[in-house]
Amino acid sequence: MAQPMPNFVFEDGTLREFTPEDLERLTETVNRVLARMQAAGAVIVTASVDEVS
């Protein structure tokens, strides 16, 4: 199986590899936003793709 490509983020004028801490921070932010939207009555629909051929 092929290795996944690294993800990069441009932050403070520097391009660097996306870290597990970045993912954790992003996940927490998204969860807070989703909670606020749901509290405001928004209907949230999501989908995921496990594998792309």
PDB file of N, CA and C in Angstrom:
ATOM      1  N   MET A   1       0.840  -1.180   0.000  1.00  0.00           N
ATOM      2  CA  MET A   1       0.000   0.000   0.000  1.00  0.00           C
ATOM      3  C   MET A   1       0.889   1.248   0.000  1.00  0.00           C
ATOM      4  N   ALA A   2       0.508   2.226  -0.749  1.00  0.00           N
ATOM      5  CA  ALA A   2       1.292   3.461  -0.862  1.00  0.00           C
ATOM      6  C   ALA A   2       1.243   4.261   0.437  1.00  0.00           C
ATOM      7  N   GLN A   3       2.336   4.954   0.702  1.00  0.00           N
ATOM      8  CA  GLN A   3       2.402   5.819   1.875  1.00  0.00           C
ATOM      9  C   GLN A   3       1.531   7.052   1.624  1.00  0.00           C
ATOM     10  N   PRO A   4       0.800   7.520   2.649  1.00  0.00           N
ATOM     11  CA  PRO A   4       0.018   8.740   2.458  1.00  0.00           C
ATOM     12  C   PRO A   4       0.942   9.938   2.268  1.00  0.00           C
ATOM     13  N   MET A   5       0.496  10.879   1.464  1.00  0.00           N
ATOM     14  CA  MET A   5       1.284  12.092   1.259  1.00  0.00           C
ATOM     15  C   MET A   5       1.197  12.955   2.511  1.00  0.00           C
ATOM     16  N   PRO A   6       2.302  13.594   2.881  1.00  0.00           N
ATOM     17  CA  PRO A   6       2.237  14.490   4.042  1.00  0.00           C
ATOM     18  C   PRO A   6       1.394  15.719   3.707  1.00  0.00           C
ATOM     19  N   ASN A   7       0.781  16.272   4.714  1.00  0.00           N
ATOM     20  CA  ASN A   7       0.004  17.491   4.559  1.00  0.00           C
ATOM     21  C   ASN A   7       0.819  18.642   5.114  1.00  0.00           C
ATOM     22  N   PHE A   8       0.648  19.794   4.511  1.00  0.00           N
ATOM     23  CA  PHE A   8       1.390  20.969   4.940  1.00  0.00           C
ATOM     24  C   PHE A   8       0.440  22.089   5.305  1.00  0.00           C
ATOM     25  N   VAL A   9       0.907  22.980   6.166  1.00  0.00           N
ATOM     26  CA  VAL A   9       0.136  24.137   6.585  1.00  0.00           C
ATOM     27  C   VAL A   9       1.046  25.360   6.468  1.00  0.00           C
ATOM     28  N   PHE A  10       0.468  26.473   6.027  1.00  0.00           N
ATOM     29  CA  PHE A  10       1.212  27.727   5.945  1.00  0.00           C
ATOM     30  C   PHE A  10       0.796  28.560   7.143  1.00  0.00           C
ATOM     31  N   GLU A  11       1.720  28.764   8.061  1.00  0.00           N
ATOM     32  CA  GLU A  11       1.405  29.465   9.305  1.00  0.00           C
ATOM     33  C   GLU A  11       2.530  30.419   9.658  1.00  0.00           C
ATOM     34  N   ASP A  12       2.181  31.638   9.984  1.00  0.00           N
ATOM     35  CA  ASP A  12       3.169  32.654  10.370  1.00  0.00           C
ATOM     36  C   ASP A  12       4.273  32.816   9.324  1.00  0.00           C
ATOM     37  N   GLY A  13       3.890  32.748   8.056  1.00  0.00           N
ATOM     38  CA  GLY A  13       4.854  32.959   6.984  1.00  0.00           C
ATOM     39  C   GLY A  13       5.752  31.783   6.681  1.00  0.00           C
ATOM     40  N   THR A  14       5.455  30.617   7.277  1.00  0.00           N
ATOM     41  CA  THR A  14       6.301  29.435   7.091  1.00  0.00           C
ATOM     42  C   THR A  14       5.452  28.243   6.654  1.00  0.00           C
ATOM     43  N   LEU A  15       5.935  27.529   5.654  1.00  0.00           N
ATOM     44  CA  LEU A  15       5.291  26.294   5.221  1.00  0.00           C
ATOM     45  C   LEU A  15       5.920  25.151   6.009  1.00  0.00           C
ATOM     46  N   ARG A  16       5.096  24.397   6.719  1.00  0.00           N
ATOM     47  CA  ARG A  16       5.626  23.296   7.528  1.00  0.00           C
ATOM     48  C   ARG A  16       4.682  22.109   7.455  1.00  0.00           C
ATOM     49  N   GLU A  17       5.186  20.949   7.850  1.00  0.00           N
ATOM     50  CA  GLU A  17       4.370  19.739   7.825  1.00  0.00           C
ATOM     51  C   GLU A  17       3.302  19.796   8.911  1.00  0.00           C
ATOM     52  N   PHE A  18       2.101  19.351   8.560  1.00  0.00           N
ATOM     53  CA  PHE A  18       0.959  19.297   9.465  1.00  0.00           C
ATOM     54  C   PHE A  18       1.242  18.266  10.550  1.00  0.00           C
ATOM     55  N   THR A  19       1.102  18.633  11.818  1.00  0.00           N
ATOM     56  CA  THR A  19       1.438  17.741  12.935  1.00  0.00           C
ATOM     57  C   THR A  19       0.189  17.165  13.589  1.00  0.00           C
ATOM     58  N   PRO A  20       0.351  16.132  14.414  1.00  0.00           N
ATOM     59  CA  PRO A  20      -0.788  15.607  15.174  1.00  0.00           C
ATOM     60  C   PRO A  20      -1.421  16.689  16.065  1.00  0.00           C
ATOM     61  N   GLU A  21      -0.608  17.611  16.567  1.00  0.00           N
ATOM     62  CA  GLU A  21      -1.149  18.698  17.389  1.00  0.00           C
ATOM     63  C   GLU A  21      -2.030  19.622  16.560  1.00  0.00           C
ATOM     64  N   ASP A  22      -1.645  19.858  15.300  1.00  0.00           N
ATOM     65  CA  ASP A  22      -2.479  20.661  14.400  1.00  0.00           C
ATOM     66  C   ASP A  22      -3.829  19.982  14.190  1.00  0.00           C
ATOM     67  N   LEU A  23      -3.793  18.665  13.985  1.00  0.00           N
ATOM     68  CA  LEU A  23      -5.027  17.915  13.780  1.00  0.00           C
ATOM     69  C   LEU A  23      -5.918  17.994  15.012  1.00  0.00           C
ATOM     70  N   GLU A  24      -5.323  17.867  16.189  1.00  0.00           N
ATOM     71  CA  GLU A  24      -6.095  17.954  17.427  1.00  0.00           C
ATOM     72  C   GLU A  24      -6.733  19.340  17.574  1.00  0.00           C
ATOM     73  N   ARG A  25      -5.958  20.385  17.298  1.00  0.00           N
ATOM     74  CA  ARG A  25      -6.465  21.750  17.400  1.00  0.00           C
ATOM     75  C   ARG A  25      -7.596  21.991  16.393  1.00  0.00           C
ATOM     76  N   LEU A  26      -7.425  21.492  15.163  1.00  0.00           N
ATOM     77  CA  LEU A  26      -8.447  21.634  14.131  1.00  0.00           C
ATOM     78  C   LEU A  26      -9.713  20.877  14.512  1.00  0.00           C
ATOM     79  N   THR A  27      -9.567  19.659  15.017  1.00  0.00           N
ATOM     80  CA  THR A  27     -10.724  18.847  15.420  1.00  0.00           C
ATOM     81  C   THR A  27     -11.504  19.526  16.539  1.00  0.00           C
ATOM     82  N   GLU A  28     -10.806  20.061  17.534  1.00  0.00           N
ATOM     83  CA  GLU A  28     -11.482  20.757  18.627  1.00  0.00           C
ATOM     84  C   GLU A  28     -12.243  21.973  18.123  1.00  0.00           C
ATOM     85  N   THR A  29     -11.643  22.719  17.207  1.00  0.00           N
ATOM     86  CA  THR A  29     -12.299  23.903  16.652  1.00  0.00           C
ATOM     87  C   THR A  29     -13.544  23.516  15.871  1.00  0.00           C
ATOM     88  N   VAL A  30     -13.432  22.503  15.027  1.00  0.00           N
ATOM     89  CA  VAL A  30     -14.580  22.049  14.238  1.00  0.00           C
ATOM     90  C   VAL A  30     -15.700  21.572  15.158  1.00  0.00           C
ATOM     91  N   ASN A  31     -15.372  20.828  16.207  1.00  0.00           N
ATOM     92  CA  ASN A  31     -16.398  20.349  17.134  1.00  0.00           C
ATOM     93  C   ASN A  31     -17.114  21.494  17.832  1.00  0.00           C
ATOM     94  N   ARG A  32     -16.367  22.549  18.209  1.00  0.00           N
ATOM     95  CA  ARG A  32     -17.001  23.725  18.831  1.00  0.00           C
ATOM     96  C   ARG A  32     -17.939  24.423  17.851  1.00  0.00           C
ATOM     97  N   VAL A  33     -17.500  24.575  16.607  1.00  0.00           N
ATOM     98  CA  VAL A  33     -18.331  25.226  15.593  1.00  0.00           C
ATOM     99  C   VAL A  33     -19.588  24.407  15.326  1.00  0.00           C
ATOM    100  N   LEU A  34     -19.444  23.098  15.181  1.00  0.00           N
ATOM    101  CA  LEU A  34     -20.617  22.243  14.957  1.00  0.00           C
ATOM    102  C   LEU A  34     -21.602  22.326  16.118  1.00  0.00           C
ATOM    103  N   ALA A  35     -21.104  22.343  17.339  1.00  0.00           N
ATOM    104  CA  ALA A  35     -21.983  22.452  18.510  1.00  0.00           C
ATOM    105  C   ALA A  35     -22.754  23.766  18.488  1.00  0.00           C
ATOM    106  N   ARG A  36     -22.087  24.856  18.142  1.00  0.00           N
ATOM    107  CA  ARG A  36     -22.769  26.156  18.061  1.00  0.00           C
ATOM    108  C   ARG A  36     -23.828  26.167  16.972  1.00  0.00           C
ATOM    109  N   MET A  37     -23.488  25.593  15.825  1.00  0.00           N
ATOM    110  CA  MET A  37     -24.450  25.551  14.717  1.00  0.00           C
ATOM    111  C   MET A  37     -25.666  24.710  15.085  1.00  0.00           C
ATOM    112  N   GLN A  38     -25.440  23.559  15.699  1.00  0.00           N
ATOM    113  CA  GLN A  38     -26.548  22.700  16.098  1.00  0.00           C
ATOM    114  C   GLN A  38     -27.405  23.379  17.155  1.00  0.00           C
ATOM    115  N   ALA A  39     -26.782  24.100  18.086  1.00  0.00           N
ATOM    116  CA  ALA A  39     -27.525  24.823  19.114  1.00  0.00           C
ATOM    117  C   ALA A  39     -28.385  25.920  18.496  1.00  0.00           C
ATOM    118  N   ALA A  40     -27.940  26.446  17.369  1.00  0.00           N
ATOM    119  CA  ALA A  40     -28.695  27.497  16.676  1.00  0.00           C
ATOM    120  C   ALA A  40     -29.759  26.913  15.763  1.00  0.00           C
ATOM    121  N   GLY A  41     -29.861  25.580  15.713  1.00  0.00           N
ATOM    122  CA  GLY A  41     -30.905  24.939  14.926  1.00  0.00           C
ATOM    123  C   GLY A  41     -30.489  24.499  13.539  1.00  0.00           C
ATOM    124  N   ALA A  42     -29.212  24.591  13.227  1.00  0.00           N
ATOM    125  CA  ALA A  42     -28.747  24.161  11.905  1.00  0.00           C
ATOM    126  C   ALA A  42     -28.802  22.644  11.789  1.00  0.00           C
ATOM    127  N   VAL A  43     -29.088  22.172  10.601  1.00  0.00           N
ATOM    128  CA  VAL A  43     -29.061  20.737  10.324  1.00  0.00           C
ATOM    129  C   VAL A  43     -27.717  20.436   9.677  1.00  0.00           C
ATOM    130  N   ILE A  44     -26.947  19.548  10.295  1.00  0.00           N
ATOM    131  CA  ILE A  44     -25.609  19.222   9.823  1.00  0.00           C
ATOM    132  C   ILE A  44     -25.642  17.855   9.143  1.00  0.00           C
ATOM    133  N   VAL A  45     -25.178  17.787   7.902  1.00  0.00           N
ATOM    134  CA  VAL A  45     -25.111  16.534   7.159  1.00  0.00           C
ATOM    135  C   VAL A  45     -23.655  16.310   6.786  1.00  0.00           C
ATOM    136  N   THR A  46     -23.134  15.140   7.132  1.00  0.00           N
ATOM    137  CA  THR A  46     -21.741  14.830   6.814  1.00  0.00           C
ATOM    138  C   THR A  46     -21.655  13.496   6.082  1.00  0.00           C
ATOM    139  N   ALA A  47     -20.551  13.304   5.389  1.00  0.00           N
ATOM    140  CA  ALA A  47     -20.265  12.036   4.727  1.00  0.00           C
ATOM    141  C   ALA A  47     -18.770  11.808   4.788  1.00  0.00           C
ATOM    142  N   SER A  48     -18.360  10.571   4.698  1.00  0.00           N
ATOM    143  CA  SER A  48     -16.936  10.271   4.680  1.00  0.00           C
ATOM    144  C   SER A  48     -16.642   9.233   3.608  1.00  0.00           C
ATOM    145  N   VAL A  49     -15.418   9.255   3.150  1.00  0.00           N
ATOM    146  CA  VAL A  49     -14.954   8.277   2.161  1.00  0.00           C
ATOM    147  C   VAL A  49     -13.777   7.563   2.794  1.00  0.00           C
ATOM    148  N   ASP A  50     -13.871   6.252   2.890  1.00  0.00           N
ATOM    149  CA  ASP A  50     -12.808   5.468   3.495  1.00  0.00           C
ATOM    150  C   ASP A  50     -11.673   5.173   2.521  1.00  0.00           C
ATOM    151  N   GLU A  51     -12.004   4.988   1.254  1.00  0.00           N
ATOM    152  CA  GLU A  51     -10.968   4.643   0.299  1.00  0.00           C
ATOM    153  C   GLU A  51     -11.371   5.158  -1.071  1.00  0.00           C
ATOM    154  N   VAL A  52     -10.403   5.697  -1.761  1.00  0.00           N
ATOM    155  CA  VAL A  52     -10.624   6.157  -3.125  1.00  0.00           C
ATOM    156  C   VAL A  52      -9.817   5.269  -4.053  1.00  0.00           C
ATOM    157  N   SER A  53     -10.472   4.756  -5.063  1.00  0.00           N
ATOM    158  CA  SER A  53      -9.735   3.863  -5.974  1.00  0.00           C
ATOM    159  C   SER A  53      -9.365   4.577  -7.254  1.00  0.00           C
TER     160      SER A  53
END
